[in-house]
Amino acid sequence: MEGNPLGSVGDAELLARHVAGDPDAFGELVRRHRDRLWAVALRTLGDREEAADAVQDALVSAFRSAHTFRGQSAVTTWLHRITVNACLDRARRSASRRTAPVADEKNFEALMEPHESAEAPAERGELHRELLAALATLPAEQRAALVLVDMQGYPVAEAAKVLDVAVGTVKSRCARGRARLLPLLTHLRIGGGDSAAAGGGRNRAEGASVPETGTEKGGGGHR
């Protein structure tokens, strides 16, 4: 890529160059993956400041621990795992400080993609806010699994790698999470049909999925 000599270098090579002392290599990795890490953090935590801190913590951790990467997964999976770890740590600390989640409408509105905020129907914005408020009631581990599989479109096997758990664990967390969400989301059926079929089920765990809200694929973390 003109003006960016690292633009054509693969992720694993960038990480290796960073470990070897290249001052620009890690910055290129951040540029490539920051948006998806940010999207997952926002949807998992539901708070912009908490998400920003989680992503910053994750990137600092990745910067410092790059020498431990052994290539057993994709670099993007490794980065997303670290990010979700940071998110889950913050979610657990937050849960220990309060007995009930607080749904801040401004925070949830900020989770919308820019083009959605400007162009999507009002009903979609309301759907998105209600969905995120419902997700906030789940235990952090179930929430992370549902964010990856149902909102970000990860195949269950890939979500398992990101979360560093067995495939069956992801399926179980998704199933339990959906069961807890069902009473809260029954009224969010859209398009005159069952929204669980919106994605065709190709990348979903068994059972009804969280309703689609126009999000794009993102990344993950650990248990």
C-alpha atoms as a PDB file:
ATOM      1  CA  MET A   1       0.000   0.000   0.000  1.00  0.00           C
ATOM      2  CA  GLU A   2       1.488   3.343  -1.039  1.00  0.00           C
ATOM      3  CA  GLY A   3       2.598   5.413   1.926  1.00  0.00           C
ATOM      4  CA  ASN A   4       2.283   2.432   4.282  1.00  0.00           C
ATOM      5  CA  PRO A   5       5.144  -0.041   3.839  1.00  0.00           C
ATOM      6  CA  LEU A   6       3.624  -2.337   6.470  1.00  0.00           C
ATOM      7  CA  GLY A   7       0.212  -2.454   4.808  1.00  0.00           C
ATOM      8  CA  SER A   8       0.930  -5.699   2.934  1.00  0.00           C
ATOM      9  CA  VAL A   9       2.682  -7.453   5.819  1.00  0.00           C
ATOM     10  CA  GLY A  10       0.714 -10.257   7.503  1.00  0.00           C
ATOM     11  CA  ASP A  11      -0.413 -10.031  11.119  1.00  0.00           C
ATOM     12  CA  ALA A  12       1.938 -12.745  12.394  1.00  0.00           C
ATOM     13  CA  GLU A  13       4.892 -11.116  10.673  1.00  0.00           C
ATOM     14  CA  LEU A  14       3.939  -7.739  12.152  1.00  0.00           C
ATOM     15  CA  LEU A  15       3.870  -9.246  15.627  1.00  0.00           C
ATOM     16  CA  ALA A  16       7.251 -10.878  15.026  1.00  0.00           C
ATOM     17  CA  ARG A  17       8.678  -7.569  13.822  1.00  0.00           C
ATOM     18  CA  HIS A  18       7.316  -5.857  16.919  1.00  0.00           C
ATOM     19  CA  VAL A  19       9.043  -8.422  19.138  1.00  0.00           C
ATOM     20  CA  ALA A  20      12.240  -7.849  17.140  1.00  0.00           C
ATOM     21  CA  GLY A  21      12.079  -4.128  17.831  1.00  0.00           C
ATOM     22  CA  ASP A  22      10.251  -2.576  14.859  1.00  0.00           C
ATOM     23  CA  PRO A  23       8.696   0.599  16.352  1.00  0.00           C
ATOM     24  CA  ASP A  24       5.872   0.755  13.796  1.00  0.00           C
ATOM     25  CA  ALA A  25       4.717  -2.852  13.562  1.00  0.00           C
ATOM     26  CA  PHE A  26       2.412  -2.937  16.573  1.00  0.00           C
ATOM     27  CA  GLY A  27       0.806   0.343  15.566  1.00  0.00           C
ATOM     28  CA  GLU A  28      -0.164  -1.227  12.236  1.00  0.00           C
ATOM     29  CA  LEU A  29      -1.775  -4.170  14.059  1.00  0.00           C
ATOM     30  CA  VAL A  30      -3.755  -1.748  16.188  1.00  0.00           C
ATOM     31  CA  ARG A  31      -4.878   0.177  13.099  1.00  0.00           C
ATOM     32  CA  ARG A  32      -6.144  -3.021  11.471  1.00  0.00           C
ATOM     33  CA  HIS A  33      -8.034  -4.483  14.420  1.00  0.00           C
ATOM     34  CA  ARG A  34      -8.954  -1.545  16.673  1.00  0.00           C
ATOM     35  CA  ASP A  35     -12.466  -1.024  15.279  1.00  0.00           C
ATOM     36  CA  ARG A  36     -13.556  -4.618  15.815  1.00  0.00           C
ATOM     37  CA  LEU A  37     -11.974  -4.800  19.262  1.00  0.00           C
ATOM     38  CA  TRP A  38     -13.787  -1.576  20.127  1.00  0.00           C
ATOM     39  CA  ALA A  39     -17.129  -2.895  18.814  1.00  0.00           C
ATOM     40  CA  VAL A  40     -16.917  -6.047  20.924  1.00  0.00           C
ATOM     41  CA  ALA A  41     -15.882  -4.114  24.027  1.00  0.00           C
ATOM     42  CA  LEU A  42     -18.778  -1.684  23.630  1.00  0.00           C
ATOM     43  CA  ARG A  43     -21.350  -4.407  23.150  1.00  0.00           C
ATOM     44  CA  THR A  44     -19.980  -6.492  25.999  1.00  0.00           C
ATOM     45  CA  LEU A  45     -19.713  -3.685  28.540  1.00  0.00           C
ATOM     46  CA  GLY A  46     -22.405  -1.239  27.346  1.00  0.00           C
ATOM     47  CA  ASP A  47     -20.366   1.754  28.533  1.00  0.00           C
ATOM     48  CA  ARG A  48     -18.018   3.839  26.382  1.00  0.00           C
ATOM     49  CA  GLU A  49     -15.557   4.738  29.122  1.00  0.00           C
ATOM     50  CA  GLU A  50     -15.345   1.183  30.440  1.00  0.00           C
ATOM     51  CA  ALA A  51     -14.942  -0.155  26.890  1.00  0.00           C
ATOM     52  CA  ALA A  52     -12.204   2.362  26.073  1.00  0.00           C
ATOM     53  CA  ASP A  53     -10.326   1.433  29.239  1.00  0.00           C
ATOM     54  CA  ALA A  54     -10.733  -2.282  28.504  1.00  0.00           C
ATOM     55  CA  VAL A  55      -9.372  -1.917  24.968  1.00  0.00           C
ATOM     56  CA  GLN A  56      -6.467   0.179  26.229  1.00  0.00           C
ATOM     57  CA  ASP A  57      -5.677  -2.405  28.921  1.00  0.00           C
ATOM     58  CA  ALA A  58      -5.869  -5.177  26.311  1.00  0.00           C
ATOM     59  CA  LEU A  59      -3.560  -3.434  23.850  1.00  0.00           C
ATOM     60  CA  VAL A  60      -1.005  -2.645  26.550  1.00  0.00           C
ATOM     61  CA  SER A  61      -1.123  -6.298  27.600  1.00  0.00           C
ATOM     62  CA  ALA A  62      -0.734  -7.469  23.990  1.00  0.00           C
ATOM     63  CA  PHE A  63       2.161  -5.045  23.438  1.00  0.00           C
ATOM     64  CA  ARG A  64       3.981  -6.381  26.471  1.00  0.00           C
ATOM     65  CA  SER A  65       3.199 -10.076  25.980  1.00  0.00           C
ATOM     66  CA  ALA A  66       3.743 -10.305  22.220  1.00  0.00           C
ATOM     67  CA  HIS A  67       6.802 -12.486  22.792  1.00  0.00           C
ATOM     68  CA  THR A  68       4.527 -15.197  24.250  1.00  0.00           C
ATOM     69  CA  PHE A  69       2.535 -15.587  21.015  1.00  0.00           C
ATOM     70  CA  ARG A  70       3.238 -19.041  19.572  1.00  0.00           C
ATOM     71  CA  GLY A  71       1.096 -18.978  16.445  1.00  0.00           C
ATOM     72  CA  GLN A  72      -1.371 -21.603  17.684  1.00  0.00           C
ATOM     73  CA  SER A  73      -4.228 -19.281  16.689  1.00  0.00           C
ATOM     74  CA  ALA A  74      -4.602 -16.298  14.405  1.00  0.00           C
ATOM     75  CA  VAL A  75      -3.222 -13.009  15.706  1.00  0.00           C
ATOM     76  CA  THR A  76      -6.697 -11.514  15.505  1.00  0.00           C
ATOM     77  CA  THR A  77      -8.064 -14.339  17.697  1.00  0.00           C
ATOM     78  CA  TRP A  78      -5.267 -13.719  20.191  1.00  0.00           C
ATOM     79  CA  LEU A  79      -5.993  -9.980  20.285  1.00  0.00           C
ATOM     80  CA  HIS A  80      -9.724 -10.533  20.696  1.00  0.00           C
ATOM     81  CA  ARG A  81      -9.143 -13.056  23.478  1.00  0.00           C
ATOM     82  CA  ILE A  82      -7.064 -10.528  25.403  1.00  0.00           C
ATOM     83  CA  THR A  83      -9.711  -7.864  24.819  1.00  0.00           C
ATOM     84  CA  VAL A  84     -12.601  -9.992  26.043  1.00  0.00           C
ATOM     85  CA  ASN A  85     -10.529 -10.998  29.067  1.00  0.00           C
ATOM     86  CA  ALA A  86     -10.176  -7.315  29.891  1.00  0.00           C
ATOM     87  CA  CYS A  87     -13.906  -6.747  29.346  1.00  0.00           C
ATOM     88  CA  LEU A  88     -14.928  -9.677  31.527  1.00  0.00           C
ATOM     89  CA  ASP A  89     -12.582  -8.558  34.292  1.00  0.00           C
ATOM     90  CA  ARG A  90     -14.206  -5.129  34.253  1.00  0.00           C
ATOM     91  CA  ALA A  91     -17.716  -6.603  34.089  1.00  0.00           C
ATOM     92  CA  ARG A  92     -17.021  -8.768  37.122  1.00  0.00           C
ATOM     93  CA  ARG A  93     -15.599  -5.853  39.095  1.00  0.00           C
ATOM     94  CA  SER A  94     -18.588  -3.738  38.134  1.00  0.00           C
ATOM     95  CA  ALA A  95     -21.015  -6.488  39.162  1.00  0.00           C
ATOM     96  CA  SER A  96     -19.345  -6.700  42.566  1.00  0.00           C
ATOM     97  CA  ARG A  97     -19.960  -2.968  43.090  1.00  0.00           C
ATOM     98  CA  ARG A  98     -23.669  -2.970  42.320  1.00  0.00           C
ATOM     99  CA  THR A  99     -26.579  -5.367  42.588  1.00  0.00           C
ATOM    100  CA  ALA A 100     -28.370  -4.428  39.356  1.00  0.00           C
ATOM    101  CA  PRO A 101     -27.193  -3.214  35.909  1.00  0.00           C
ATOM    102  CA  VAL A 102     -27.872   0.397  35.010  1.00  0.00           C
ATOM    103  CA  ALA A 103     -29.129   0.943  31.454  1.00  0.00           C
ATOM    104  CA  ASP A 104     -27.849   4.325  30.262  1.00  0.00           C
ATOM    105  CA  GLU A 105     -29.721   5.263  27.082  1.00  0.00           C
ATOM    106  CA  LYS A 106     -26.971   7.602  25.879  1.00  0.00           C
ATOM    107  CA  ASN A 107     -24.370   4.868  26.259  1.00  0.00           C
ATOM    108  CA  PHE A 108     -26.499   2.383  24.362  1.00  0.00           C
ATOM    109  CA  GLU A 109     -27.207   4.911  21.607  1.00  0.00           C
ATOM    110  CA  ALA A 110     -23.458   5.299  21.172  1.00  0.00           C
ATOM    111  CA  LEU A 111     -23.162   1.606  20.351  1.00  0.00           C
ATOM    112  CA  MET A 112     -24.944   2.130  17.037  1.00  0.00           C
ATOM    113  CA  GLU A 113     -22.793   2.081  13.941  1.00  0.00           C
ATOM    114  CA  PRO A 114     -22.440   5.617  12.517  1.00  0.00           C
ATOM    115  CA  HIS A 115     -24.468   4.842   9.379  1.00  0.00           C
ATOM    116  CA  GLU A 116     -27.179   3.231  11.505  1.00  0.00           C
ATOM    117  CA  SER A 117     -27.489   6.236  13.782  1.00  0.00           C
ATOM    118  CA  ALA A 118     -28.117   8.492  10.811  1.00  0.00           C
ATOM    119  CA  GLU A 119     -30.196   6.272   8.562  1.00  0.00           C
ATOM    120  CA  ALA A 120     -31.748   3.352  10.432  1.00  0.00           C
ATOM    121  CA  PRO A 121     -35.452   3.487  11.330  1.00  0.00           C
ATOM    122  CA  ALA A 122     -36.338   4.532  14.853  1.00  0.00           C
ATOM    123  CA  GLU A 123     -37.574   1.003  15.522  1.00  0.00           C
ATOM    124  CA  ARG A 124     -34.096  -0.403  14.918  1.00  0.00           C
ATOM    125  CA  GLY A 125     -32.553   2.044  17.370  1.00  0.00           C
ATOM    126  CA  GLU A 126     -35.108   1.024  19.980  1.00  0.00           C
ATOM    127  CA  LEU A 127     -34.499  -2.659  19.249  1.00  0.00           C
ATOM    128  CA  HIS A 128     -30.774  -2.159  19.675  1.00  0.00           C
ATOM    129  CA  ARG A 129     -31.162  -0.311  22.976  1.00  0.00           C
ATOM    130  CA  GLU A 130     -33.558  -2.877  24.411  1.00  0.00           C
ATOM    131  CA  LEU A 131     -31.372  -5.752  23.278  1.00  0.00           C
ATOM    132  CA  LEU A 132     -28.267  -4.287  24.903  1.00  0.00           C
ATOM    133  CA  ALA A 133     -30.157  -3.505  28.093  1.00  0.00           C
ATOM    134  CA  ALA A 134     -31.318  -7.137  28.202  1.00  0.00           C
ATOM    135  CA  LEU A 135     -27.772  -8.415  27.537  1.00  0.00           C
ATOM    136  CA  ALA A 136     -26.541  -6.319  30.463  1.00  0.00           C
ATOM    137  CA  THR A 137     -28.606  -8.494  32.815  1.00  0.00           C
ATOM    138  CA  LEU A 138     -26.647 -11.645  31.908  1.00  0.00           C
ATOM    139  CA  PRO A 139     -23.551 -12.999  33.651  1.00  0.00           C
ATOM    140  CA  ALA A 140     -20.440 -11.702  31.905  1.00  0.00           C
ATOM    141  CA  GLU A 141     -19.443 -15.071  30.421  1.00  0.00           C
ATOM    142  CA  GLN A 142     -22.868 -15.664  28.842  1.00  0.00           C
ATOM    143  CA  ARG A 143     -22.959 -12.088  27.556  1.00  0.00           C
ATOM    144  CA  ALA A 144     -19.561 -12.425  25.867  1.00  0.00           C
ATOM    145  CA  ALA A 145     -20.587 -15.662  24.144  1.00  0.00           C
ATOM    146  CA  LEU A 146     -23.825 -14.144  22.819  1.00  0.00           C
ATOM    147  CA  VAL A 147     -22.058 -10.957  21.666  1.00  0.00           C
ATOM    148  CA  LEU A 148     -19.566 -13.017  19.652  1.00  0.00           C
ATOM    149  CA  VAL A 149     -21.959 -15.580  18.177  1.00  0.00           C
ATOM    150  CA  ASP A 150     -25.267 -13.739  17.772  1.00  0.00           C
ATOM    151  CA  MET A 151     -24.248 -10.083  17.422  1.00  0.00           C
ATOM    152  CA  GLN A 152     -20.803 -10.306  15.829  1.00  0.00           C
ATOM    153  CA  GLY A 153     -21.470 -13.379  13.674  1.00  0.00           C
ATOM    154  CA  TYR A 154     -18.614 -15.593  14.826  1.00  0.00           C
ATOM    155  CA  PRO A 155     -18.865 -19.325  14.103  1.00  0.00           C
ATOM    156  CA  VAL A 156     -19.190 -21.204  17.380  1.00  0.00           C
ATOM    157  CA  ALA A 157     -15.810 -22.900  16.837  1.00  0.00           C
ATOM    158  CA  GLU A 158     -14.087 -19.550  16.354  1.00  0.00           C
ATOM    159  CA  ALA A 159     -15.851 -18.045  19.376  1.00  0.00           C
ATOM    160  CA  ALA A 160     -14.569 -20.998  21.404  1.00  0.00           C
ATOM    161  CA  LYS A 161     -11.008 -20.165  20.350  1.00  0.00           C
ATOM    162  CA  VAL A 162     -11.487 -16.514  21.217  1.00  0.00           C
ATOM    163  CA  LEU A 163     -13.012 -17.330  24.603  1.00  0.00           C
ATOM    164  CA  ASP A 164     -10.456 -20.109  25.199  1.00  0.00           C
ATOM    165  CA  VAL A 165     -13.142 -22.625  26.141  1.00  0.00           C
ATOM    166  CA  ALA A 166     -14.593 -25.775  24.584  1.00  0.00           C
ATOM    167  CA  VAL A 167     -17.141 -25.549  21.759  1.00  0.00           C
ATOM    168  CA  GLY A 168     -19.685 -27.188  24.033  1.00  0.00           C
ATOM    169  CA  THR A 169     -19.115 -24.495  26.646  1.00  0.00           C
ATOM    170  CA  VAL A 170     -19.889 -21.757  24.122  1.00  0.00           C
ATOM    171  CA  LYS A 171     -23.047 -23.578  23.052  1.00  0.00           C
ATOM    172  CA  SER A 172     -24.092 -24.023  26.665  1.00  0.00           C
ATOM    173  CA  ARG A 173     -23.456 -20.373  27.536  1.00  0.00           C
ATOM    174  CA  CYS A 174     -25.384 -19.232  24.473  1.00  0.00           C
ATOM    175  CA  ALA A 175     -28.286 -21.555  25.276  1.00  0.00           C
ATOM    176  CA  ARG A 176     -28.465 -20.441  28.899  1.00  0.00           C
ATOM    177  CA  GLY A 177     -28.137 -16.807  27.915  1.00  0.00           C
ATOM    178  CA  ARG A 178     -30.876 -17.053  25.294  1.00  0.00           C
ATOM    179  CA  ALA A 179     -33.165 -18.790  27.802  1.00  0.00           C
ATOM    180  CA  ARG A 180     -32.691 -15.912  30.228  1.00  0.00           C
ATOM    181  CA  LEU A 181     -33.205 -13.316  27.498  1.00  0.00           C
ATOM    182  CA  LEU A 182     -36.275 -14.904  25.946  1.00  0.00           C
ATOM    183  CA  PRO A 183     -38.848 -13.329  28.309  1.00  0.00           C
ATOM    184  CA  LEU A 184     -37.217  -9.933  27.731  1.00  0.00           C
ATOM    185  CA  LEU A 185     -36.937 -10.203  23.934  1.00  0.00           C
ATOM    186  CA  THR A 186     -40.160 -11.912  22.873  1.00  0.00           C
ATOM    187  CA  HIS A 187     -41.648  -8.570  21.803  1.00  0.00           C
ATOM    188  CA  LEU A 188     -38.568  -7.771  19.657  1.00  0.00           C
ATOM    189  CA  ARG A 189     -39.539 -10.080  16.772  1.00  0.00           C
ATOM    190  CA  ILE A 190     -39.123  -8.007  13.632  1.00  0.00           C
ATOM    191  CA  GLY A 191     -39.969  -8.270   9.946  1.00  0.00           C
ATOM    192  CA  GLY A 192     -43.123 -10.313  10.554  1.00  0.00           C
ATOM    193  CA  GLY A 193     -41.179 -13.493  11.294  1.00  0.00           C
ATOM    194  CA  ASP A 194     -38.869 -15.137  13.751  1.00  0.00           C
ATOM    195  CA  SER A 195     -35.729 -13.016  13.802  1.00  0.00           C
ATOM    196  CA  ALA A 196     -33.697 -16.020  14.902  1.00  0.00           C
ATOM    197  CA  ALA A 197     -33.782 -17.079  11.266  1.00  0.00           C
ATOM    198  CA  ALA A 198     -32.464 -13.746  10.014  1.00  0.00           C
ATOM    199  CA  GLY A 199     -28.906 -14.996   9.712  1.00  0.00           C
ATOM    200  CA  GLY A 200     -29.862 -18.398   8.376  1.00  0.00           C
ATOM    201  CA  GLY A 201     -28.320 -20.058  11.433  1.00  0.00           C
ATOM    202  CA  ARG A 202     -25.041 -20.693   9.585  1.00  0.00           C
ATOM    203  CA  ASN A 203     -22.797 -19.375  12.322  1.00  0.00           C
ATOM    204  CA  ARG A 204     -25.090 -19.890  15.268  1.00  0.00           C
ATOM    205  CA  ALA A 205     -25.157 -22.280  18.171  1.00  0.00           C
ATOM    206  CA  GLU A 206     -28.273 -24.380  18.480  1.00  0.00           C
ATOM    207  CA  GLY A 207     -31.414 -22.557  19.595  1.00  0.00           C
ATOM    208  CA  ALA A 208     -32.990 -19.225  18.848  1.00  0.00           C
ATOM    209  CA  SER A 209     -30.472 -16.412  18.349  1.00  0.00           C
ATOM    210  CA  VAL A 210     -30.470 -12.932  19.767  1.00  0.00           C
ATOM    211  CA  PRO A 211     -32.260 -10.708  17.207  1.00  0.00           C
ATOM    212  CA  GLU A 212     -30.057  -9.240  14.480  1.00  0.00           C
ATOM    213  CA  THR A 213     -29.400  -5.490  14.743  1.00  0.00           C
ATOM    214  CA  GLY A 214     -27.190  -4.798  11.737  1.00  0.00           C
ATOM    215  CA  THR A 215     -23.866  -5.230  13.526  1.00  0.00           C
ATOM    216  CA  GLU A 216     -20.723  -6.448  11.794  1.00  0.00           C
ATOM    217  CA  LYS A 217     -18.276  -9.130  12.714  1.00  0.00           C
ATOM    218  CA  GLY A 218     -15.993  -8.379  15.624  1.00  0.00           C
ATOM    219  CA  GLY A 219     -13.728 -10.132  18.073  1.00  0.00           C
ATOM    220  CA  GLY A 220     -13.529 -11.901  21.427  1.00  0.00           C
ATOM    221  CA  GLY A 221     -11.769 -12.966  24.681  1.00  0.00           C
ATOM    222  CA  HIS A 222     -11.599 -15.687  27.383  1.00  0.00           C
ATOM    223  CA  ARG A 223     -13.831 -17.334  29.945  1.00  0.00           C
END
